[in-house]
Amino acid sequence: MELSSVTSKGQVTIPKSLRQQLGIRQGSQIEFALVGDHVEMRVKSTPQEAPPSGFGILKSKRPAVPADFDPADLLKP
């Protein structure tokens, strides 16, 4: 059993080992229920893992810029 304190805002830090075992990460939704004299916590949903890089996340309607494009060419008269 692990111990955690409650902040003045009513927040509690879930120990890292439990977060890892349950797959809890930023954006996870947790459900709390009062059962007799204790509280039960259940993971309702966990967001998909973010990709390691942001490459390809944004889509554009414009055509791609050629790989050999040199922005300095725009400054030439």
Protein backbone atom coordinates (compact mmCIF):
# COMPACT_ATOMS: atom_id res chain seq x y z
CA MET A 1 0.00 0.00 0.00
CA GLU A 2 1.34 3.43 -0.95
CA LEU A 3 0.62 6.72 0.81
CA SER A 4 -0.12 10.12 -0.73
CA SER A 5 -1.17 13.49 0.76
CA VAL A 6 -4.11 15.69 -0.21
CA THR A 7 -3.31 19.29 -1.25
CA SER A 8 -5.33 22.35 -0.21
CA LYS A 9 -7.14 22.06 -3.57
CA GLY A 10 -8.18 18.47 -2.87
CA GLN A 11 -5.64 17.02 -5.32
CA VAL A 12 -3.85 13.72 -4.75
CA THR A 13 -0.85 12.39 -6.63
CA ILE A 14 -1.32 8.81 -7.80
CA PRO A 15 1.97 6.99 -7.16
CA LYS A 16 4.02 6.40 -10.31
CA SER A 17 4.07 2.61 -9.93
CA LEU A 18 0.24 2.51 -9.85
CA ARG A 19 -0.06 4.92 -12.83
CA GLN A 20 2.25 2.67 -14.83
CA GLN A 21 0.40 -0.54 -13.87
CA LEU A 22 -2.99 0.98 -14.78
CA GLY A 23 -1.83 2.88 -17.87
CA ILE A 24 -2.87 6.23 -16.41
CA ARG A 25 -1.35 9.25 -18.18
CA GLN A 26 -2.24 12.85 -18.94
CA GLY A 27 -5.82 13.03 -20.20
CA SER A 28 -6.95 9.77 -18.58
CA GLN A 29 -10.44 9.88 -17.09
CA ILE A 30 -10.86 8.45 -13.61
CA GLU A 31 -14.15 7.51 -11.94
CA PHE A 32 -14.53 7.69 -8.15
CA ALA A 33 -17.17 5.82 -6.15
CA LEU A 34 -17.89 5.80 -2.43
CA VAL A 35 -18.20 2.17 -1.33
CA GLY A 36 -19.02 1.81 2.35
CA ASP A 37 -16.24 3.56 4.21
CA HIS A 38 -13.72 3.82 1.36
CA VAL A 39 -13.35 5.27 -2.13
CA GLU A 40 -12.81 3.13 -5.23
CA MET A 41 -11.09 4.59 -8.26
CA ARG A 42 -11.51 3.18 -11.78
CA VAL A 43 -9.84 4.18 -15.03
CA LYS A 44 -12.69 5.00 -17.45
CA SER A 45 -10.60 5.96 -20.48
CA THR A 46 -7.01 6.53 -21.43
CA PRO A 47 -6.02 8.59 -24.46
CA GLN A 48 -3.91 6.98 -27.13
CA GLU A 49 -0.20 7.51 -26.74
CA ALA A 50 1.13 10.57 -28.47
CA PRO A 51 3.50 9.90 -31.36
CA PRO A 52 7.20 10.37 -30.52
CA SER A 53 7.35 13.36 -32.90
CA GLY A 54 4.82 15.78 -34.30
CA PHE A 55 5.80 15.04 -37.91
CA GLY A 56 2.76 14.47 -40.08
CA ILE A 57 0.16 15.58 -37.53
CA LEU A 58 -0.80 18.79 -39.34
CA LYS A 59 -2.44 18.59 -42.75
CA SER A 60 -2.25 21.35 -45.37
CA LYS A 61 -4.27 21.99 -48.50
CA ARG A 62 -1.25 23.64 -50.11
CA PRO A 63 1.12 21.61 -52.26
CA ALA A 64 4.36 20.51 -50.64
CA VAL A 65 7.44 22.72 -51.07
CA PRO A 66 10.15 21.03 -53.17
CA ALA A 67 13.08 19.66 -51.19
CA ASP A 68 15.54 21.81 -53.15
CA PHE A 69 13.61 25.06 -52.46
CA ASP A 70 15.88 27.93 -51.34
CA PRO A 71 14.07 30.80 -49.58
CA ALA A 72 16.99 33.11 -50.49
CA ASP A 73 15.76 32.94 -54.11
CA LEU A 74 12.69 34.93 -53.03
CA LEU A 75 14.89 37.92 -52.12
CA LYS A 76 16.60 38.14 -55.53
CA PRO A 77 15.16 40.82 -57.87
